[in-house]
Amino acid sequence: MFRFFGLRFRRKIFVRVNDSMFHNDFSMSNKISYHPTSSLYIISLIFVIFGHMKILSELIKVVDQNPDSILVMRQQTEQRLPAHQHDKTQLLLVYGGIAYLQTEEKDFYIPSNHYIWIPKNYPHNLMFNTQDLYIINIYFPDEKAAGFYDELGIYPVSNLLAEMLSFSEKWQGDYFKGSWEFEFLLTLKGVLSKENLKKFSIQLPTTDDQRLNAIIGSFKNRLNENLSLDIIASHSGMSVRSLTRLFQTKLHITFVQYLKMLRIIRAMELIKDTDLNMTEIAYEIGYSNIAAFSNNFQQLTNMRPTEFKAK
């Protein structure tokens, strides 16, 4: 089953229609020069929305029509869809770039050679910022399982998992009980919880608070500047205490923690999408000390920037 999420869904659609950062189907509207209040602009939005609803309806049939099967999909499909959910659990593997998975509470950043485990009926939608991204989706039938399989989490692809994926690299479609492919994929799923890998920890909280979003918007594209809490509070016409409380109340995170994650996320993008060296990237995101940049990067991603570049 898939569901739309009322106003939340509609808000996301209209925000993303003009967001040129992401190379998904919404970006087609970036080429349209209609004024936002014109009839042609509104009609173009209607076509975009109903086009995605049709894709969503088609994917429903593919994913959930065989509730007892394990489904392997290698097409870039999910990034075209608004917020939705599946009756099946989902293993989503990312190669060649960074994927962005949005949920109601947080934005998750999935770097290359990582996977995200999505429990059943967990509302989400996928976006990415590179044409070179390669994604594998494996949907598993619902089985009663506690712990690891009940929680959304991002983990690195281990050597063992990589070998198993390589062995099954040509598989696609539904696999049913009684086939050796089904048993192999079920074993692959079982491996995930046994590896005891450390979760990838960059999870950027989101909010509908317009004032806080405006404040974040005022500095998220100026990460190379000196962005202290005092400076941002002053520019926002707030006291340091009020701004601190706003971050804690709405995002359940401090300003410093939020800024650190923004900077490391931007560093990940620059590492994958540019030829800048690590020193240049550090300065580009506001670090004057390469060691501090490297340490913070490792703290949030469990690897050094050079390791991340090699992935």
Foldseek 3Di string as FASTA:
>chain_A
DKDDDPPVQVVVLVVQLCPCQFPEPSPVSVPPPDDCPDPVNVVVSVCLVVVQVVLVVVVLCQQPVDLQWKFKDWDPRQQSHTWIFAQWKKKKAKAQAWKWKDAPWWIDIAGHQKIKTGAGPGIIGMTGRDPRMTMMMITHHDDDDDDPNVDIFMFGQDPVLVVLCVVCVPDGGIDHPPDVVRVSVVVSVVVVVVVPTDTQALIFTDFPPPLVVVLCVVPLQPQLDPDDLCVSCVVSVHDSVVVQVVCCVGNVDGPVVNLLSSLLVVLRRCLSPHPDDQCVSCNSRHHPDSVVNQVSNCVRGVHGSVVSSVD
